[in-house]
Amino acid sequence: MNIQIFGTKKCNDTKKAERFFKERGIKYQYIDMKEKGMSKGEFTSVAQANGGIEKMINWEGRDQDTLALIKYIADEDKLEKILENPQVIRTPVVRNGKQSTLGYRPEVWKGWS
């Protein structure tokens, strides 16, 4: 397994995801979304695996101004705006090769090999 966890230090679900893999002795790479964010390719592949860009966004997030802008700008501009503002992406984003999940999903991770 090649696990990557994209999240933030303050996100409880990210902490729970890290604990899930630690307890099982599975190595993972943690990427802080505030420091590094996701590349365009990473974001696109995760979005495709999880039902599109709309599903990647935490619509209940704190930054309502940015979320409103993302909601109403043209589709071709959405990706750039989301990548500029990684705080609007649902966390944790957990990747295992081509597979990925959004949020805390231990029932899915248990099936990964």
PDB file of N, CA and C in Angstrom:
ATOM      1  N   MET A   1       0.832  -1.191   0.000  1.00  0.00           N
ATOM      2  CA  MET A   1       0.000   0.000   0.000  1.00  0.00           C
ATOM      3  C   MET A   1       0.871   1.246   0.000  1.00  0.00           C
ATOM      4  N   ASN A   2       0.391   2.248  -0.688  1.00  0.00           N
ATOM      5  CA  ASN A   2       1.088   3.523  -0.755  1.00  0.00           C
ATOM      6  C   ASN A   2       0.096   4.607  -0.330  1.00  0.00           C
ATOM      7  N   ILE A   3      -0.052   4.779   0.986  1.00  0.00           N
ATOM      8  CA  ILE A   3      -1.083   5.662   1.520  1.00  0.00           C
ATOM      9  C   ILE A   3      -0.579   7.097   1.639  1.00  0.00           C
ATOM     10  N   GLN A   4      -1.398   8.021   1.179  1.00  0.00           N
ATOM     11  CA  GLN A   4      -1.148   9.448   1.367  1.00  0.00           C
ATOM     12  C   GLN A   4      -2.369  10.019   2.075  1.00  0.00           C
ATOM     13  N   ILE A   5      -2.123  10.827   3.108  1.00  0.00           N
ATOM     14  CA  ILE A   5      -3.213  11.498   3.809  1.00  0.00           C
ATOM     15  C   ILE A   5      -3.019  13.000   3.635  1.00  0.00           C
ATOM     16  N   PHE A   6      -3.954  13.626   2.929  1.00  0.00           N
ATOM     17  CA  PHE A   6      -3.957  15.076   2.774  1.00  0.00           C
ATOM     18  C   PHE A   6      -4.922  15.623   3.816  1.00  0.00           C
ATOM     19  N   GLY A   7      -4.439  16.510   4.681  1.00  0.00           N
ATOM     20  CA  GLY A   7      -5.317  17.056   5.706  1.00  0.00           C
ATOM     21  C   GLY A   7      -4.702  18.270   6.362  1.00  0.00           C
ATOM     22  N   THR A   8      -5.298  18.664   7.485  1.00  0.00           N
ATOM     23  CA  THR A   8      -4.770  19.782   8.262  1.00  0.00           C
ATOM     24  C   THR A   8      -4.571  19.320   9.696  1.00  0.00           C
ATOM     25  N   LYS A   9      -3.667  19.994  10.393  1.00  0.00           N
ATOM     26  CA  LYS A   9      -3.346  19.606  11.769  1.00  0.00           C
ATOM     27  C   LYS A   9      -4.541  19.766  12.706  1.00  0.00           C
ATOM     28  N   LYS A  10      -5.449  20.698  12.403  1.00  0.00           N
ATOM     29  CA  LYS A  10      -6.593  20.957  13.282  1.00  0.00           C
ATOM     30  C   LYS A  10      -7.795  20.062  12.999  1.00  0.00           C
ATOM     31  N   CYS A  11      -7.770  19.324  11.911  1.00  0.00           N
ATOM     32  CA  CYS A  11      -8.921  18.505  11.509  1.00  0.00           C
ATOM     33  C   CYS A  11      -8.966  17.197  12.312  1.00  0.00           C
ATOM     34  N   ASN A  12     -10.051  17.000  13.066  1.00  0.00           N
ATOM     35  CA  ASN A  12     -10.184  15.784  13.874  1.00  0.00           C
ATOM     36  C   ASN A  12     -10.254  14.530  13.016  1.00  0.00           C
ATOM     37  N   ASP A  13     -10.944  14.589  11.876  1.00  0.00           N
ATOM     38  CA  ASP A  13     -11.036  13.408  11.010  1.00  0.00           C
ATOM     39  C   ASP A  13      -9.671  13.034  10.437  1.00  0.00           C
ATOM     40  N   THR A  14      -8.834  14.029  10.179  1.00  0.00           N
ATOM     41  CA  THR A  14      -7.474  13.754   9.706  1.00  0.00           C
ATOM     42  C   THR A  14      -6.694  13.023  10.797  1.00  0.00           C
ATOM     43  N   LYS A  15      -6.820  13.489  12.037  1.00  0.00           N
ATOM     44  CA  LYS A  15      -6.131  12.832  13.163  1.00  0.00           C
ATOM     45  C   LYS A  15      -6.618  11.394  13.319  1.00  0.00           C
ATOM     46  N   LYS A  16      -7.925  11.188  13.172  1.00  0.00           N
ATOM     47  CA  LYS A  16      -8.475   9.834  13.297  1.00  0.00           C
ATOM     48  C   LYS A  16      -7.968   8.938  12.170  1.00  0.00           C
ATOM     49  N   ALA A  17      -7.834   9.484  10.966  1.00  0.00           N
ATOM     50  CA  ALA A  17      -7.320   8.709   9.833  1.00  0.00           C
ATOM     51  C   ALA A  17      -5.868   8.296  10.096  1.00  0.00           C
ATOM     52  N   GLU A  18      -5.065   9.241  10.586  1.00  0.00           N
ATOM     53  CA  GLU A  18      -3.672   8.915  10.911  1.00  0.00           C
ATOM     54  C   GLU A  18      -3.614   7.807  11.956  1.00  0.00           C
ATOM     55  N   ARG A  19      -4.443   7.910  12.984  1.00  0.00           N
ATOM     56  CA  ARG A  19      -4.471   6.901  14.040  1.00  0.00           C
ATOM     57  C   ARG A  19      -4.882   5.539  13.483  1.00  0.00           C
ATOM     58  N   PHE A  20      -5.872   5.527  12.565  1.00  0.00           N
ATOM     59  CA  PHE A  20      -6.335   4.275  11.949  1.00  0.00           C
ATOM     60  C   PHE A  20      -5.160   3.527  11.318  1.00  0.00           C
ATOM     61  N   PHE A  21      -4.353   4.223  10.514  1.00  0.00           N
ATOM     62  CA  PHE A  21      -3.239   3.569   9.818  1.00  0.00           C
ATOM     63  C   PHE A  21      -2.087   3.247  10.779  1.00  0.00           C
ATOM     64  N   LYS A  22      -1.828   4.124  11.757  1.00  0.00           N
ATOM     65  CA  LYS A  22      -0.774   3.866  12.748  1.00  0.00           C
ATOM     66  C   LYS A  22      -1.069   2.601  13.532  1.00  0.00           C
ATOM     67  N   GLU A  23      -2.323   2.469  13.999  1.00  0.00           N
ATOM     68  CA  GLU A  23      -2.698   1.315  14.819  1.00  0.00           C
ATOM     69  C   GLU A  23      -2.528  -0.001  14.065  1.00  0.00           C
ATOM     70  N   ARG A  24      -2.627   0.030  12.762  1.00  0.00           N
ATOM     71  CA  ARG A  24      -2.501  -1.176  11.950  1.00  0.00           C
ATOM     72  C   ARG A  24      -1.092  -1.359  11.398  1.00  0.00           C
ATOM     73  N   GLY A  25      -0.188  -0.472  11.782  1.00  0.00           N
ATOM     74  CA  GLY A  25       1.202  -0.585  11.348  1.00  0.00           C
ATOM     75  C   GLY A  25       1.384  -0.320   9.854  1.00  0.00           C
ATOM     76  N   ILE A  26       0.475   0.479   9.276  1.00  0.00           N
ATOM     77  CA  ILE A  26       0.553   0.796   7.843  1.00  0.00           C
ATOM     78  C   ILE A  26       1.236   2.149   7.690  1.00  0.00           C
ATOM     79  N   LYS A  27       2.325   2.160   6.916  1.00  0.00           N
ATOM     80  CA  LYS A  27       3.043   3.409   6.690  1.00  0.00           C
ATOM     81  C   LYS A  27       2.205   4.315   5.798  1.00  0.00           C
ATOM     82  N   TYR A  28       2.278   5.607   6.076  1.00  0.00           N
ATOM     83  CA  TYR A  28       1.563   6.590   5.252  1.00  0.00           C
ATOM     84  C   TYR A  28       2.383   7.867   5.176  1.00  0.00           C
ATOM     85  N   GLN A  29       2.054   8.666   4.185  1.00  0.00           N
ATOM     86  CA  GLN A  29       2.699   9.968   4.018  1.00  0.00           C
ATOM     87  C   GLN A  29       1.644  11.024   4.326  1.00  0.00           C
ATOM     88  N   TYR A  30       1.955  11.940   5.248  1.00  0.00           N
ATOM     89  CA  TYR A  30       1.023  13.010   5.603  1.00  0.00           C
ATOM     90  C   TYR A  30       1.401  14.274   4.834  1.00  0.00           C
ATOM     91  N   ILE A  31       0.428  14.876   4.178  1.00  0.00           N
ATOM     92  CA  ILE A  31       0.660  16.122   3.450  1.00  0.00           C
ATOM     93  C   ILE A  31      -0.250  17.179   4.060  1.00  0.00           C
ATOM     94  N   ASP A  32       0.359  18.236   4.597  1.00  0.00           N
ATOM     95  CA  ASP A  32      -0.408  19.325   5.203  1.00  0.00           C
ATOM     96  C   ASP A  32      -0.959  20.227   4.098  1.00  0.00           C
ATOM     97  N   MET A  33      -2.284  20.285   4.014  1.00  0.00           N
ATOM     98  CA  MET A  33      -2.932  21.067   2.953  1.00  0.00           C
ATOM     99  C   MET A  33      -2.629  22.559   3.071  1.00  0.00           C
ATOM    100  N   LYS A  34      -2.393  23.039   4.282  1.00  0.00           N
ATOM    101  CA  LYS A  34      -2.103  24.468   4.448  1.00  0.00           C
ATOM    102  C   LYS A  34      -0.715  24.815   3.935  1.00  0.00           C
ATOM    103  N   GLU A  35       0.228  23.868   4.085  1.00  0.00           N
ATOM    104  CA  GLU A  35       1.600  24.122   3.648  1.00  0.00           C
ATOM    105  C   GLU A  35       1.806  23.807   2.173  1.00  0.00           C
ATOM    106  N   LYS A  36       1.316  22.648   1.732  1.00  0.00           N
ATOM    107  CA  LYS A  36       1.631  22.187   0.388  1.00  0.00           C
ATOM    108  C   LYS A  36       0.418  22.154  -0.534  1.00  0.00           C
ATOM    109  N   GLY A  37      -0.719  21.710  -0.043  1.00  0.00           N
ATOM    110  CA  GLY A  37      -1.888  21.582  -0.902  1.00  0.00           C
ATOM    111  C   GLY A  37      -1.761  20.383  -1.831  1.00  0.00           C
ATOM    112  N   MET A  38      -2.621  20.339  -2.833  1.00  0.00           N
ATOM    113  CA  MET A  38      -2.613  19.239  -3.804  1.00  0.00           C
ATOM    114  C   MET A  38      -2.231  19.798  -5.167  1.00  0.00           C
ATOM    115  N   SER A  39      -1.571  18.969  -5.957  1.00  0.00           N
ATOM    116  CA  SER A  39      -1.275  19.393  -7.327  1.00  0.00           C
ATOM    117  C   SER A  39      -2.560  19.259  -8.144  1.00  0.00           C
ATOM    118  N   LYS A  40      -2.563  19.874  -9.295  1.00  0.00           N
ATOM    119  CA  LYS A  40      -3.731  19.805 -10.177  1.00  0.00           C
ATOM    120  C   LYS A  40      -4.043  18.352 -10.544  1.00  0.00           C
ATOM    121  N   GLY A  41      -2.993  17.575 -10.848  1.00  0.00           N
ATOM    122  CA  GLY A  41      -3.173  16.171 -11.216  1.00  0.00           C
ATOM    123  C   GLY A  41      -3.728  15.338 -10.075  1.00  0.00           C
ATOM    124  N   GLU A  42      -3.186  15.551  -8.862  1.00  0.00           N
ATOM    125  CA  GLU A  42      -3.679  14.823  -7.688  1.00  0.00           C
ATOM    126  C   GLU A  42      -5.148  15.145  -7.444  1.00  0.00           C
ATOM    127  N   PHE A  43      -5.462  16.438  -7.467  1.00  0.00           N
ATOM    128  CA  PHE A  43      -6.839  16.858  -7.201  1.00  0.00           C
ATOM    129  C   PHE A  43      -7.800  16.272  -8.240  1.00  0.00           C
ATOM    130  N   THR A  44      -7.406  16.327  -9.504  1.00  0.00           N
ATOM    131  CA  THR A  44      -8.267  15.823 -10.584  1.00  0.00           C
ATOM    132  C   THR A  44      -8.511  14.328 -10.448  1.00  0.00           C
ATOM    133  N   SER A  45      -7.464  13.557 -10.138  1.00  0.00           N
ATOM    134  CA  SER A  45      -7.648  12.101 -10.023  1.00  0.00           C
ATOM    135  C   SER A  45      -8.520  11.756  -8.817  1.00  0.00           C
ATOM    136  N   VAL A  46      -8.355  12.472  -7.703  1.00  0.00           N
ATOM    137  CA  VAL A  46      -9.193  12.231  -6.527  1.00  0.00           C
ATOM    138  C   VAL A  46     -10.637  12.639  -6.819  1.00  0.00           C
ATOM    139  N   ALA A  47     -10.816  13.762  -7.495  1.00  0.00           N
ATOM    140  CA  ALA A  47     -12.171  14.221  -7.833  1.00  0.00           C
ATOM    141  C   ALA A  47     -12.879  13.192  -8.713  1.00  0.00           C
ATOM    142  N   GLN A  48     -12.172  12.636  -9.695  1.00  0.00           N
ATOM    143  CA  GLN A  48     -12.770  11.625 -10.573  1.00  0.00           C
ATOM    144  C   GLN A  48     -13.163  10.384  -9.793  1.00  0.00           C
ATOM    145  N   ALA A  49     -12.331   9.966  -8.844  1.00  0.00           N
ATOM    146  CA  ALA A  49     -12.600   8.760  -8.061  1.00  0.00           C
ATOM    147  C   ALA A  49     -13.745   8.955  -7.067  1.00  0.00           C
ATOM    148  N   ASN A  50     -14.041  10.220  -6.735  1.00  0.00           N
ATOM    149  CA  ASN A  50     -15.045  10.490  -5.707  1.00  0.00           C
ATOM    150  C   ASN A  50     -16.281  11.233  -6.219  1.00  0.00           C
ATOM    151  N   GLY A  51     -16.506  11.227  -7.517  1.00  0.00           N
ATOM    152  CA  GLY A  51     -17.747  11.785  -8.038  1.00  0.00           C
ATOM    153  C   GLY A  51     -17.709  13.241  -8.449  1.00  0.00           C
ATOM    154  N   GLY A  52     -16.528  13.781  -8.708  1.00  0.00           N
ATOM    155  CA  GLY A  52     -16.442  15.132  -9.256  1.00  0.00           C
ATOM    156  C   GLY A  52     -16.017  16.198  -8.259  1.00  0.00           C
ATOM    157  N   ILE A  53     -15.748  17.383  -8.812  1.00  0.00           N
ATOM    158  CA  ILE A  53     -15.248  18.514  -8.031  1.00  0.00           C
ATOM    159  C   ILE A  53     -16.215  18.905  -6.916  1.00  0.00           C
ATOM    160  N   GLU A  54     -17.509  18.914  -7.195  1.00  0.00           N
ATOM    161  CA  GLU A  54     -18.511  19.348  -6.206  1.00  0.00           C
ATOM    162  C   GLU A  54     -18.414  18.544  -4.913  1.00  0.00           C
ATOM    163  N   LYS A  55     -18.124  17.245  -5.031  1.00  0.00           N
ATOM    164  CA  LYS A  55     -18.037  16.363  -3.857  1.00  0.00           C
ATOM    165  C   LYS A  55     -16.762  16.620  -3.047  1.00  0.00           C
ATOM    166  N   MET A  56     -15.764  17.229  -3.677  1.00  0.00           N
ATOM    167  CA  MET A  56     -14.479  17.491  -3.026  1.00  0.00           C
ATOM    168  C   MET A  56     -14.544  18.689  -2.073  1.00  0.00           C
ATOM    169  N   ILE A  57     -15.597  19.487  -2.192  1.00  0.00           N
ATOM    170  CA  ILE A  57     -15.662  20.744  -1.447  1.00  0.00           C
ATOM    171  C   ILE A  57     -16.454  20.581  -0.163  1.00  0.00           C
ATOM    172  N   ASN A  58     -15.929  21.152   0.908  1.00  0.00           N
ATOM    173  CA  ASN A  58     -16.627  21.180   2.190  1.00  0.00           C
ATOM    174  C   ASN A  58     -17.524  22.423   2.194  1.00  0.00           C
ATOM    175  N   TRP A  59     -18.760  22.244   1.783  1.00  0.00           N
ATOM    176  CA  TRP A  59     -19.677  23.376   1.640  1.00  0.00           C
ATOM    177  C   TRP A  59     -20.062  24.001   2.976  1.00  0.00           C
ATOM    178  N   GLU A  60     -19.809  23.286   4.081  1.00  0.00           N
ATOM    179  CA  GLU A  60     -20.114  23.837   5.408  1.00  0.00           C
ATOM    180  C   GLU A  60     -18.903  24.515   6.038  1.00  0.00           C
ATOM    181  N   GLY A  61     -17.835  24.690   5.254  1.00  0.00           N
ATOM    182  CA  GLY A  61     -16.594  25.260   5.780  1.00  0.00           C
ATOM    183  C   GLY A  61     -16.756  26.691   6.258  1.00  0.00           C
ATOM    184  N   ARG A  62     -15.714  27.180   6.929  1.00  0.00           N
ATOM    185  CA  ARG A  62     -15.741  28.524   7.516  1.00  0.00           C
ATOM    186  C   ARG A  62     -15.681  29.634   6.482  1.00  0.00           C
ATOM    187  N   ASP A  63     -14.951  29.403   5.405  1.00  0.00           N
ATOM    188  CA  ASP A  63     -14.697  30.467   4.425  1.00  0.00           C
ATOM    189  C   ASP A  63     -15.873  30.582   3.440  1.00  0.00           C
ATOM    190  N   GLN A  64     -17.005  31.073   3.932  1.00  0.00           N
ATOM    191  CA  GLN A  64     -18.220  31.127   3.125  1.00  0.00           C
ATOM    192  C   GLN A  64     -18.093  32.052   1.911  1.00  0.00           C
ATOM    193  N   ASP A  65     -17.280  33.100   2.010  1.00  0.00           N
ATOM    194  CA  ASP A  65     -17.096  34.004   0.866  1.00  0.00           C
ATOM    195  C   ASP A  65     -16.454  33.270  -0.304  1.00  0.00           C
ATOM    196  N   THR A  66     -15.388  32.531  -0.018  1.00  0.00           N
ATOM    197  CA  THR A  66     -14.705  31.770  -1.068  1.00  0.00           C
ATOM    198  C   THR A  66     -15.619  30.677  -1.606  1.00  0.00           C
ATOM    199  N   LEU A  67     -16.363  30.009  -0.716  1.00  0.00           N
ATOM    200  CA  LEU A  67     -17.278  28.944  -1.148  1.00  0.00           C
ATOM    201  C   LEU A  67     -18.362  29.498  -2.076  1.00  0.00           C
ATOM    202  N   ALA A  68     -18.880  30.683  -1.761  1.00  0.00           N
ATOM    203  CA  ALA A  68     -19.900  31.302  -2.614  1.00  0.00           C
ATOM    204  C   ALA A  68     -19.305  31.627  -3.988  1.00  0.00           C
ATOM    205  N   LEU A  69     -18.092  32.121  -3.991  1.00  0.00           N
ATOM    206  CA  LEU A  69     -17.424  32.440  -5.256  1.00  0.00           C
ATOM    207  C   LEU A  69     -17.237  31.178  -6.094  1.00  0.00           C
ATOM    208  N   ILE A  70     -16.771  30.108  -5.454  1.00  0.00           N
ATOM    209  CA  ILE A  70     -16.554  28.841  -6.158  1.00  0.00           C
ATOM    210  C   ILE A  70     -17.870  28.314  -6.728  1.00  0.00           C
ATOM    211  N   LYS A  71     -18.935  28.473  -5.966  1.00  0.00           N
ATOM    212  CA  LYS A  71     -20.236  27.959  -6.386  1.00  0.00           C
ATOM    213  C   LYS A  71     -20.718  28.637  -7.672  1.00  0.00           C
ATOM    214  N   TYR A  72     -20.421  29.927  -7.815  1.00  0.00           N
ATOM    215  CA  TYR A  72     -21.011  30.689  -8.918  1.00  0.00           C
ATOM    216  C   TYR A  72     -20.073  31.041 -10.066  1.00  0.00           C
ATOM    217  N   ILE A  73     -18.778  30.755  -9.949  1.00  0.00           N
ATOM    218  CA  ILE A  73     -17.887  31.059 -11.077  1.00  0.00           C
ATOM    219  C   ILE A  73     -17.999  29.957 -12.135  1.00  0.00           C
ATOM    220  N   ALA A  74     -17.495  30.266 -13.317  1.00  0.00           N
ATOM    221  CA  ALA A  74     -17.548  29.316 -14.433  1.00  0.00           C
ATOM    222  C   ALA A  74     -16.783  28.048 -14.090  1.00  0.00           C
ATOM    223  N   ASP A  75     -17.285  26.911 -14.593  1.00  0.00           N
ATOM    224  CA  ASP A  75     -16.676  25.614 -14.279  1.00  0.00           C
ATOM    225  C   ASP A  75     -15.185  25.567 -14.585  1.00  0.00           C
ATOM    226  N   GLU A  76     -14.776  26.190 -15.691  1.00  0.00           N
ATOM    227  CA  GLU A  76     -13.365  26.120 -16.061  1.00  0.00           C
ATOM    228  C   GLU A  76     -12.468  26.896 -15.085  1.00  0.00           C
ATOM    229  N   ASP A  77     -13.040  27.812 -14.302  1.00  0.00           N
ATOM    230  CA  ASP A  77     -12.269  28.585 -13.330  1.00  0.00           C
ATOM    231  C   ASP A  77     -12.293  27.980 -11.923  1.00  0.00           C
ATOM    232  N   LYS A  78     -13.206  27.039 -11.691  1.00  0.00           N
ATOM    233  CA  LYS A  78     -13.379  26.467 -10.345  1.00  0.00           C
ATOM    234  C   LYS A  78     -12.119  25.783  -9.845  1.00  0.00           C
ATOM    235  N   LEU A  79     -11.514  24.955 -10.686  1.00  0.00           N
ATOM    236  CA  LEU A  79     -10.351  24.176 -10.268  1.00  0.00           C
ATOM    237  C   LEU A  79      -9.236  25.077  -9.749  1.00  0.00           C
ATOM    238  N   GLU A  80      -8.924  26.131 -10.491  1.00  0.00           N
ATOM    239  CA  GLU A  80      -7.861  27.056 -10.072  1.00  0.00           C
ATOM    240  C   GLU A  80      -8.187  27.688  -8.720  1.00  0.00           C
ATOM    241  N   LYS A  81      -9.427  28.123  -8.550  1.00  0.00           N
ATOM    242  CA  LYS A  81      -9.841  28.794  -7.312  1.00  0.00           C
ATOM    243  C   LYS A  81      -9.762  27.825  -6.125  1.00  0.00           C
ATOM    244  N   ILE A  82     -10.152  26.573  -6.340  1.00  0.00           N
ATOM    245  CA  ILE A  82     -10.095  25.574  -5.265  1.00  0.00           C
ATOM    246  C   ILE A  82      -8.635  25.309  -4.881  1.00  0.00           C
ATOM    247  N   LEU A  83      -7.768  25.149  -5.878  1.00  0.00           N
ATOM    248  CA  LEU A  83      -6.358  24.873  -5.594  1.00  0.00           C
ATOM    249  C   LEU A  83      -5.670  26.057  -4.909  1.00  0.00           C
ATOM    250  N   GLU A  84      -6.132  27.282  -5.185  1.00  0.00           N
ATOM    251  CA  GLU A  84      -5.602  28.475  -4.510  1.00  0.00           C
ATOM    252  C   GLU A  84      -6.066  28.540  -3.056  1.00  0.00           C
ATOM    253  N   ASN A  85      -7.201  27.887  -2.755  1.00  0.00           N
ATOM    254  CA  ASN A  85      -7.809  27.937  -1.422  1.00  0.00           C
ATOM    255  C   ASN A  85      -8.042  26.523  -0.894  1.00  0.00           C
ATOM    256  N   PRO A  86      -6.954  25.797  -0.536  1.00  0.00           N
ATOM    257  CA  PRO A  86      -7.114  24.393  -0.141  1.00  0.00           C
ATOM    258  C   PRO A  86      -7.979  24.194   1.110  1.00  0.00           C
ATOM    259  N   GLN A  87      -8.250  25.273   1.856  1.00  0.00           N
ATOM    260  CA  GLN A  87      -9.083  25.135   3.057  1.00  0.00           C
ATOM    261  C   GLN A  87     -10.527  24.757   2.724  1.00  0.00           C
ATOM    262  N   VAL A  88     -10.941  24.864   1.460  1.00  0.00           N
ATOM    263  CA  VAL A  88     -12.318  24.505   1.097  1.00  0.00           C
ATOM    264  C   VAL A  88     -12.464  23.027   0.728  1.00  0.00           C
ATOM    265  N   ILE A  89     -11.347  22.300   0.651  1.00  0.00           N
ATOM    266  CA  ILE A  89     -11.390  20.876   0.285  1.00  0.00           C
ATOM    267  C   ILE A  89     -11.731  20.044   1.520  1.00  0.00           C
ATOM    268  N   ARG A  90     -12.643  19.084   1.348  1.00  0.00           N
ATOM    269  CA  ARG A  90     -12.995  18.176   2.452  1.00  0.00           C
ATOM    270  C   ARG A  90     -11.768  17.374   2.860  1.00  0.00           C
ATOM    271  N   THR A  91     -11.581  17.240   4.166  1.00  0.00           N
ATOM    272  CA  THR A  91     -10.436  16.477   4.653  1.00  0.00           C
ATOM    273  C   THR A  91     -10.893  15.386   5.606  1.00  0.00           C
ATOM    274  N   PRO A  92     -10.124  14.335   5.771  1.00  0.00           N
ATOM    275  CA  PRO A  92      -8.895  14.076   5.025  1.00  0.00           C
ATOM    276  C   PRO A  92      -9.184  13.484   3.650  1.00  0.00           C
ATOM    277  N   VAL A  93      -8.288  13.744   2.725  1.00  0.00           N
ATOM    278  CA  VAL A  93      -8.294  13.052   1.435  1.00  0.00           C
ATOM    279  C   VAL A  93      -7.256  11.945   1.598  1.00  0.00           C
ATOM    280  N   VAL A  94      -7.702  10.689   1.525  1.00  0.00           N
ATOM    281  CA  VAL A  94      -6.794   9.559   1.700  1.00  0.00           C
ATOM    282  C   VAL A  94      -6.667   8.848   0.365  1.00  0.00           C
ATOM    283  N   ARG A  95      -5.421   8.696  -0.092  1.00  0.00           N
ATOM    284  CA  ARG A  95      -5.154   8.049  -1.380  1.00  0.00           C
ATOM    285  C   ARG A  95      -4.360   6.775  -1.192  1.00  0.00           C
ATOM    286  N   ASN A  96      -4.694   5.793  -2.011  1.00  0.00           N
ATOM    287  CA  ASN A  96      -3.925   4.551  -2.089  1.00  0.00           C
ATOM    288  C   ASN A  96      -3.842   4.226  -3.572  1.00  0.00           C
ATOM    289  N   GLY A  97      -2.797   4.737  -4.225  1.00  0.00           N
ATOM    290  CA  GLY A  97      -2.694   4.565  -5.680  1.00  0.00           C
ATOM    291  C   GLY A  97      -3.844   5.290  -6.366  1.00  0.00           C
ATOM    292  N   LYS A  98      -4.653   4.546  -7.126  1.00  0.00           N
ATOM    293  CA  LYS A  98      -5.782   5.144  -7.846  1.00  0.00           C
ATOM    294  C   LYS A  98      -7.033   5.260  -6.972  1.00  0.00           C
ATOM    295  N   GLN A  99      -7.040   4.554  -5.833  1.00  0.00           N
ATOM    296  CA  GLN A  99      -8.200   4.613  -4.941  1.00  0.00           C
ATOM    297  C   GLN A  99      -8.082   5.829  -4.027  1.00  0.00           C
ATOM    298  N   SER A 100      -9.225   6.395  -3.656  1.00  0.00           N
ATOM    299  CA  SER A 100      -9.183   7.510  -2.705  1.00  0.00           C
ATOM    300  C   SER A 100     -10.529   7.680  -2.030  1.00  0.00           C
ATOM    301  N   THR A 101     -10.482   8.335  -0.867  1.00  0.00           N
ATOM    302  CA  THR A 101     -11.702   8.625  -0.118  1.00  0.00           C
ATOM    303  C   THR A 101     -11.654  10.063   0.377  1.00  0.00           C
ATOM    304  N   LEU A 102     -12.824  10.591   0.702  1.00  0.00           N
ATOM    305  CA  LEU A 102     -12.952  11.911   1.319  1.00  0.00           C
ATOM    306  C   LEU A 102     -13.557  11.716   2.698  1.00  0.00           C
ATOM    307  N   GLY A 103     -12.978  12.362   3.698  1.00  0.00           N
ATOM    308  CA  GLY A 103     -13.497  12.223   5.049  1.00  0.00           C
ATOM    309  C   GLY A 103     -12.983  10.951   5.712  1.00  0.00           C
ATOM    310  N   TYR A 104     -13.501  10.681   6.906  1.00  0.00           N
ATOM    311  CA  TYR A 104     -13.067   9.517   7.691  1.00  0.00           C
ATOM    312  C   TYR A 104     -13.864   8.306   7.238  1.00  0.00           C
ATOM    313  N   ARG A 105     -13.211   7.360   6.548  1.00  0.00           N
ATOM    314  CA  ARG A 105     -13.901   6.209   5.952  1.00  0.00           C
ATOM    315  C   ARG A 105     -13.202   4.883   6.258  1.00  0.00           C
ATOM    316  N   PRO A 106     -13.110   4.486   7.531  1.00  0.00           N
ATOM    317  CA  PRO A 106     -12.394   3.247   7.866  1.00  0.00           C
ATOM    318  C   PRO A 106     -13.001   2.010   7.222  1.00  0.00           C
ATOM    319  N   GLU A 107     -14.304   2.016   6.981  1.00  0.00           N
ATOM    320  CA  GLU A 107     -14.941   0.843   6.359  1.00  0.00           C
ATOM    321  C   GLU A 107     -14.408   0.612   4.948  1.00  0.00           C
ATOM    322  N   VAL A 108     -14.008   1.673   4.253  1.00  0.00           N
ATOM    323  CA  VAL A 108     -13.414   1.549   2.913  1.00  0.00           C
ATOM    324  C   VAL A 108     -11.949   1.153   3.033  1.00  0.00           C
ATOM    325  N   TRP A 109     -11.224   1.791   3.943  1.00  0.00           N
ATOM    326  CA  TRP A 109      -9.777   1.542   4.081  1.00  0.00           C
ATOM    327  C   TRP A 109      -9.491   0.096   4.459  1.00  0.00           C
ATOM    328  N   LYS A 110     -10.374  -0.525   5.226  1.00  0.00           N
ATOM    329  CA  LYS A 110     -10.171  -1.919   5.644  1.00  0.00           C
ATOM    330  C   LYS A 110     -10.108  -2.855   4.436  1.00  0.00           C
ATOM    331  N   GLY A 111     -10.781  -2.483   3.351  1.00  0.00           N
ATOM    332  CA  GLY A 111     -10.807  -3.312   2.150  1.00  0.00           C
ATOM    333  C   GLY A 111      -9.620  -3.103   1.224  1.00  0.00           C
ATOM    334  N   TRP A 112      -8.792  -2.092   1.515  1.00  0.00           N
ATOM    335  CA  TRP A 112      -7.634  -1.798   0.680  1.00  0.00           C
ATOM    336  C   TRP A 112      -6.509  -2.791   0.962  1.00  0.00           C
ATOM    337  N   SER A 113      -5.772  -3.142  -0.102  1.00  0.00           N
ATOM    338  CA  SER A 113      -4.613  -4.029   0.115  1.00  0.00           C
ATOM    339  C   SER A 113      -3.429  -3.532  -0.689  1.00  0.00           C
TER     340      SER A 113
END
